[in-house]
Amino acid sequence: MEAEYVVAVHATKEAVWLCALTGSLTFPLTMLTVLHCDNQSAIVLSKNGHHHAQMKHIDISFHFICEVVENRSISLVYCPTGLMMADLLTKLLNHSKMGEHAAGLGLLLA
């Protein structure tokens, strides 16, 4: 769970930075940014400001995500592992799953 939580924090930092960049180049974003996560414990931890005793070893800077979720800048949403489109880029998939994920990302397979 800790690894997924830390990855969610890094993704949140990137999303906040991209929103700020977009806002400075064009116009401020008014839509809520949604990040998909396949770990329900990491999502619960990001939404709950009280950190569990098991999480004491994680650096306080990683709890930045709680503040961003509370401010409603980012929404962390559960997505089952089998539906994660990014798996196309990170995992070995069979041909049918590869086709599903490619279509989900708007890519064409040759």
N, C-alpha and C. Protein backbone atom coordinates (compact mmCIF):
# COMPACT_ATOMS: atom_id res chain seq x y z
N MET A 1 0.81 -1.19 0.00
CA MET A 1 0.00 0.00 0.00
C MET A 1 0.86 1.26 0.00
N GLU A 2 1.99 1.23 0.71
CA GLU A 2 2.82 2.43 0.81
C GLU A 2 3.34 2.86 -0.56
N ALA A 3 3.73 1.89 -1.38
CA ALA A 3 4.26 2.23 -2.70
C ALA A 3 3.19 2.90 -3.56
N GLU A 4 1.97 2.38 -3.52
CA GLU A 4 0.88 2.98 -4.30
C GLU A 4 0.57 4.39 -3.81
N TYR A 5 0.64 4.58 -2.49
CA TYR A 5 0.37 5.89 -1.91
C TYR A 5 1.43 6.90 -2.37
N VAL A 6 2.68 6.51 -2.34
CA VAL A 6 3.77 7.39 -2.76
C VAL A 6 3.65 7.70 -4.25
N VAL A 7 3.30 6.71 -5.05
CA VAL A 7 3.12 6.94 -6.49
C VAL A 7 1.95 7.89 -6.73
N ALA A 8 0.87 7.74 -5.96
CA ALA A 8 -0.28 8.65 -6.09
C ALA A 8 0.13 10.07 -5.74
N VAL A 9 0.99 10.24 -4.76
CA VAL A 9 1.47 11.57 -4.38
C VAL A 9 2.28 12.18 -5.53
N HIS A 10 3.16 11.40 -6.13
CA HIS A 10 3.96 11.92 -7.24
C HIS A 10 3.07 12.27 -8.44
N ALA A 11 2.07 11.44 -8.71
CA ALA A 11 1.13 11.74 -9.80
C ALA A 11 0.35 13.01 -9.49
N THR A 12 -0.01 13.21 -8.23
CA THR A 12 -0.73 14.41 -7.82
C THR A 12 0.13 15.65 -8.02
N LYS A 13 1.39 15.56 -7.66
CA LYS A 13 2.31 16.69 -7.86
C LYS A 13 2.40 17.05 -9.34
N GLU A 14 2.51 16.04 -10.20
CA GLU A 14 2.57 16.28 -11.64
C GLU A 14 1.28 16.91 -12.15
N ALA A 15 0.14 16.41 -11.67
CA ALA A 15 -1.16 16.94 -12.11
C ALA A 15 -1.33 18.39 -11.68
N VAL A 16 -0.95 18.70 -10.45
CA VAL A 16 -1.06 20.08 -9.96
C VAL A 16 -0.15 21.00 -10.78
N TRP A 17 1.05 20.53 -11.09
CA TRP A 17 1.98 21.33 -11.89
C TRP A 17 1.42 21.55 -13.30
N LEU A 18 0.87 20.49 -13.92
CA LEU A 18 0.31 20.63 -15.27
C LEU A 18 -0.90 21.57 -15.27
N CYS A 19 -1.72 21.51 -14.24
CA CYS A 19 -2.86 22.43 -14.15
C CYS A 19 -2.40 23.87 -14.03
N ALA A 20 -1.36 24.09 -13.22
CA ALA A 20 -0.82 25.44 -13.06
C ALA A 20 -0.20 25.93 -14.38
N LEU A 21 0.51 25.05 -15.07
CA LEU A 21 1.11 25.42 -16.36
C LEU A 21 0.03 25.76 -17.38
N THR A 22 -0.99 24.94 -17.47
CA THR A 22 -2.08 25.20 -18.39
C THR A 22 -2.77 26.52 -18.06
N GLY A 23 -2.97 26.76 -16.77
CA GLY A 23 -3.60 28.01 -16.34
C GLY A 23 -2.78 29.23 -16.68
N SER A 24 -1.47 29.11 -16.61
CA SER A 24 -0.63 30.28 -16.93
C SER A 24 -0.48 30.49 -18.43
N LEU A 25 -0.62 29.43 -19.23
CA LEU A 25 -0.49 29.56 -20.68
C LEU A 25 -1.79 29.97 -21.36
N THR A 26 -2.89 29.44 -20.88
CA THR A 26 -4.17 29.73 -21.54
C THR A 26 -5.14 30.36 -20.53
N PHE A 27 -5.90 29.53 -19.89
CA PHE A 27 -6.87 30.00 -18.91
C PHE A 27 -6.94 28.97 -17.79
N PRO A 28 -7.31 29.40 -16.58
CA PRO A 28 -7.37 28.46 -15.45
C PRO A 28 -8.38 27.34 -15.70
N LEU A 29 -8.01 26.14 -15.29
CA LEU A 29 -8.91 25.00 -15.43
C LEU A 29 -10.01 25.09 -14.38
N THR A 30 -11.23 24.81 -14.80
CA THR A 30 -12.35 24.85 -13.87
C THR A 30 -12.83 23.45 -13.52
N MET A 31 -12.40 22.46 -14.30
CA MET A 31 -12.82 21.08 -14.04
C MET A 31 -11.93 20.44 -13.00
N LEU A 32 -12.49 19.50 -12.27
CA LEU A 32 -11.75 18.74 -11.27
C LEU A 32 -10.86 17.73 -12.00
N THR A 33 -9.60 17.65 -11.62
CA THR A 33 -8.68 16.69 -12.21
C THR A 33 -8.86 15.35 -11.52
N VAL A 34 -9.02 14.30 -12.30
CA VAL A 34 -9.27 12.97 -11.76
C VAL A 34 -8.05 12.10 -11.99
N LEU A 35 -7.56 11.47 -10.92
CA LEU A 35 -6.48 10.50 -11.00
C LEU A 35 -7.06 9.13 -10.65
N HIS A 36 -6.73 8.14 -11.45
CA HIS A 36 -7.22 6.79 -11.21
C HIS A 36 -6.17 5.99 -10.45
N CYS A 37 -6.62 5.26 -9.44
CA CYS A 37 -5.73 4.46 -8.60
C CYS A 37 -6.36 3.09 -8.41
N ASP A 38 -5.54 2.04 -8.42
CA ASP A 38 -6.09 0.70 -8.25
C ASP A 38 -5.90 0.17 -6.83
N ASN A 39 -5.56 1.03 -5.90
CA ASN A 39 -5.38 0.62 -4.51
C ASN A 39 -6.35 1.40 -3.63
N GLN A 40 -7.35 0.71 -3.11
CA GLN A 40 -8.38 1.38 -2.32
C GLN A 40 -7.83 1.91 -0.99
N SER A 41 -6.83 1.26 -0.43
CA SER A 41 -6.24 1.74 0.83
C SER A 41 -5.55 3.08 0.63
N ALA A 42 -4.86 3.24 -0.49
CA ALA A 42 -4.19 4.51 -0.78
C ALA A 42 -5.22 5.62 -0.97
N ILE A 43 -6.36 5.30 -1.58
CA ILE A 43 -7.41 6.29 -1.78
C ILE A 43 -8.00 6.71 -0.45
N VAL A 44 -8.29 5.74 0.42
CA VAL A 44 -8.84 6.05 1.74
C VAL A 44 -7.86 6.89 2.54
N LEU A 45 -6.59 6.55 2.49
CA LEU A 45 -5.58 7.30 3.22
C LEU A 45 -5.47 8.73 2.71
N SER A 46 -5.62 8.94 1.41
CA SER A 46 -5.53 10.29 0.86
C SER A 46 -6.74 11.14 1.23
N LYS A 47 -7.88 10.51 1.46
CA LYS A 47 -9.09 11.25 1.81
C LYS A 47 -9.24 11.46 3.31
N ASN A 48 -8.50 10.70 4.10
CA ASN A 48 -8.59 10.79 5.55
C ASN A 48 -7.38 11.54 6.09
N GLY A 49 -7.62 12.65 6.75
CA GLY A 49 -6.53 13.46 7.28
C GLY A 49 -5.79 12.82 8.43
N HIS A 50 -6.40 11.84 9.09
CA HIS A 50 -5.75 11.16 10.22
C HIS A 50 -4.90 10.03 9.67
N HIS A 51 -3.62 10.10 9.95
CA HIS A 51 -2.71 9.10 9.42
C HIS A 51 -2.57 7.96 10.41
N HIS A 52 -2.65 6.77 9.89
CA HIS A 52 -2.61 5.59 10.73
C HIS A 52 -1.22 5.35 11.27
N ALA A 53 -1.14 4.62 12.35
CA ALA A 53 0.14 4.33 12.99
C ALA A 53 1.07 3.57 12.05
N GLN A 54 0.51 2.78 11.15
CA GLN A 54 1.33 2.01 10.23
C GLN A 54 2.02 2.91 9.20
N MET A 55 1.58 4.15 9.08
CA MET A 55 2.12 5.05 8.07
C MET A 55 3.13 6.05 8.65
N LYS A 56 3.52 5.87 9.88
CA LYS A 56 4.44 6.82 10.52
C LYS A 56 5.79 6.90 9.81
N HIS A 57 6.20 5.81 9.17
CA HIS A 57 7.51 5.79 8.54
C HIS A 57 7.54 6.55 7.21
N ILE A 58 6.38 6.93 6.68
CA ILE A 58 6.34 7.69 5.43
C ILE A 58 6.60 9.15 5.74
N ASP A 59 7.48 9.76 4.97
CA ASP A 59 7.85 11.16 5.16
C ASP A 59 6.60 12.05 5.09
N ILE A 60 6.57 13.07 5.92
CA ILE A 60 5.42 13.98 6.02
C ILE A 60 5.12 14.66 4.69
N SER A 61 6.14 14.84 3.86
CA SER A 61 5.92 15.50 2.57
C SER A 61 5.00 14.69 1.65
N PHE A 62 4.90 13.39 1.89
CA PHE A 62 4.04 12.56 1.08
C PHE A 62 2.56 12.73 1.44
N HIS A 63 2.27 13.39 2.53
CA HIS A 63 0.89 13.60 2.92
C HIS A 63 0.31 14.87 2.26
N PHE A 64 1.05 15.44 1.34
CA PHE A 64 0.60 16.57 0.53
C PHE A 64 -0.70 16.25 -0.20
N ILE A 65 -0.87 15.01 -0.56
CA ILE A 65 -2.05 14.59 -1.32
C ILE A 65 -3.33 14.82 -0.52
N CYS A 66 -3.28 14.68 0.79
CA CYS A 66 -4.48 14.89 1.62
C CYS A 66 -4.98 16.32 1.49
N GLU A 67 -4.06 17.26 1.48
CA GLU A 67 -4.40 18.67 1.36
C GLU A 67 -5.02 18.97 -0.01
N VAL A 68 -4.44 18.40 -1.05
CA VAL A 68 -4.93 18.65 -2.40
C VAL A 68 -6.31 18.02 -2.60
N VAL A 69 -6.52 16.83 -2.07
CA VAL A 69 -7.83 16.17 -2.17
C VAL A 69 -8.87 16.93 -1.36
N GLU A 70 -8.47 17.43 -0.19
CA GLU A 70 -9.39 18.19 0.66
C GLU A 70 -9.79 19.51 0.00
N ASN A 71 -8.85 20.15 -0.71
CA ASN A 71 -9.14 21.41 -1.41
C ASN A 71 -9.93 21.19 -2.70
N ARG A 72 -10.19 19.94 -3.05
CA ARG A 72 -10.93 19.55 -4.25
C ARG A 72 -10.23 20.02 -5.52
N SER A 73 -8.90 20.00 -5.51
CA SER A 73 -8.12 20.27 -6.71
C SER A 73 -7.97 18.99 -7.52
N ILE A 74 -7.86 17.87 -6.81
CA ILE A 74 -7.66 16.56 -7.41
C ILE A 74 -8.66 15.60 -6.79
N SER A 75 -9.14 14.67 -7.59
CA SER A 75 -10.00 13.61 -7.09
C SER A 75 -9.34 12.28 -7.39
N LEU A 76 -9.15 11.47 -6.37
CA LEU A 76 -8.57 10.14 -6.53
C LEU A 76 -9.73 9.16 -6.63
N VAL A 77 -9.80 8.42 -7.73
CA VAL A 77 -10.92 7.53 -8.01
C VAL A 77 -10.40 6.11 -8.20
N TYR A 78 -11.15 5.15 -7.66
CA TYR A 78 -10.76 3.75 -7.79
C TYR A 78 -11.03 3.25 -9.20
N CYS A 79 -10.05 2.55 -9.74
CA CYS A 79 -10.18 1.89 -11.04
C CYS A 79 -9.57 0.50 -10.89
N PRO A 80 -10.35 -0.55 -11.12
CA PRO A 80 -9.81 -1.91 -10.96
C PRO A 80 -8.57 -2.12 -11.84
N THR A 81 -7.68 -2.96 -11.39
CA THR A 81 -6.42 -3.20 -12.09
C THR A 81 -6.65 -3.64 -13.53
N GLY A 82 -7.66 -4.46 -13.77
CA GLY A 82 -7.92 -4.95 -15.12
C GLY A 82 -8.36 -3.87 -16.10
N LEU A 83 -8.80 -2.73 -15.59
CA LEU A 83 -9.27 -1.65 -16.46
C LEU A 83 -8.28 -0.50 -16.60
N MET A 84 -7.11 -0.62 -16.01
CA MET A 84 -6.12 0.45 -16.08
C MET A 84 -5.50 0.51 -17.47
N MET A 85 -5.79 1.58 -18.20
CA MET A 85 -5.31 1.72 -19.57
C MET A 85 -3.79 1.86 -19.64
N ALA A 86 -3.18 2.37 -18.59
CA ALA A 86 -1.73 2.56 -18.59
C ALA A 86 -0.99 1.23 -18.58
N ASP A 87 -1.69 0.13 -18.26
CA ASP A 87 -1.04 -1.18 -18.28
C ASP A 87 -0.48 -1.51 -19.65
N LEU A 88 -1.04 -0.93 -20.69
CA LEU A 88 -0.53 -1.13 -22.05
C LEU A 88 0.94 -0.74 -22.13
N LEU A 89 1.32 0.28 -21.36
CA LEU A 89 2.69 0.79 -21.41
C LEU A 89 3.59 0.20 -20.34
N THR A 90 3.01 -0.52 -19.36
CA THR A 90 3.82 -0.95 -18.23
C THR A 90 3.85 -2.46 -18.00
N LYS A 91 2.95 -3.22 -18.65
CA LYS A 91 2.86 -4.65 -18.36
C LYS A 91 2.81 -5.46 -19.65
N LEU A 92 3.19 -6.72 -19.51
CA LEU A 92 3.08 -7.66 -20.61
C LEU A 92 1.62 -8.12 -20.68
N LEU A 93 0.96 -7.88 -21.80
CA LEU A 93 -0.45 -8.21 -21.95
C LEU A 93 -0.65 -9.16 -23.12
N ASN A 94 -1.74 -9.96 -23.03
CA ASN A 94 -2.07 -10.79 -24.19
C ASN A 94 -2.69 -9.90 -25.27
N HIS A 95 -2.87 -10.44 -26.45
CA HIS A 95 -3.29 -9.63 -27.60
C HIS A 95 -4.65 -8.98 -27.39
N SER A 96 -5.60 -9.70 -26.79
CA SER A 96 -6.94 -9.13 -26.61
C SER A 96 -6.92 -7.96 -25.61
N LYS A 97 -6.21 -8.13 -24.49
CA LYS A 97 -6.10 -7.03 -23.52
C LYS A 97 -5.37 -5.85 -24.12
N MET A 98 -4.35 -6.14 -24.90
CA MET A 98 -3.59 -5.07 -25.54
C MET A 98 -4.50 -4.27 -26.48
N GLY A 99 -5.34 -4.98 -27.23
CA GLY A 99 -6.28 -4.31 -28.12
C GLY A 99 -7.29 -3.46 -27.37
N GLU A 100 -7.80 -3.99 -26.24
CA GLU A 100 -8.76 -3.24 -25.42
C GLU A 100 -8.16 -1.94 -24.90
N HIS A 101 -6.94 -2.05 -24.34
CA HIS A 101 -6.29 -0.88 -23.77
C HIS A 101 -5.89 0.13 -24.85
N ALA A 102 -5.43 -0.37 -25.99
CA ALA A 102 -5.07 0.53 -27.09
C ALA A 102 -6.30 1.30 -27.57
N ALA A 103 -7.42 0.59 -27.71
CA ALA A 103 -8.66 1.26 -28.12
C ALA A 103 -9.11 2.27 -27.07
N GLY A 104 -8.94 1.93 -25.80
CA GLY A 104 -9.30 2.85 -24.72
C GLY A 104 -8.47 4.12 -24.72
N LEU A 105 -7.24 4.01 -25.19
CA LEU A 105 -6.36 5.18 -25.28
C LEU A 105 -6.47 5.88 -26.63
N GLY A 106 -7.27 5.32 -27.53
CA GLY A 106 -7.45 5.94 -28.83
C GLY A 106 -6.33 5.62 -29.80
N LEU A 107 -5.63 4.51 -29.57
CA LEU A 107 -4.53 4.10 -30.44
C LEU A 107 -5.00 3.02 -31.40
N LEU A 108 -4.36 2.91 -32.53
CA LEU A 108 -4.66 1.86 -33.51
C LEU A 108 -3.53 0.86 -33.51
N LEU A 109 -3.88 -0.42 -33.52
CA LEU A 109 -2.87 -1.47 -33.60
C LEU A 109 -2.73 -1.89 -35.06
N ALA A 110 -1.48 -2.15 -35.45
CA ALA A 110 -1.23 -2.58 -36.84
C ALA A 110 -1.41 -4.07 -36.96
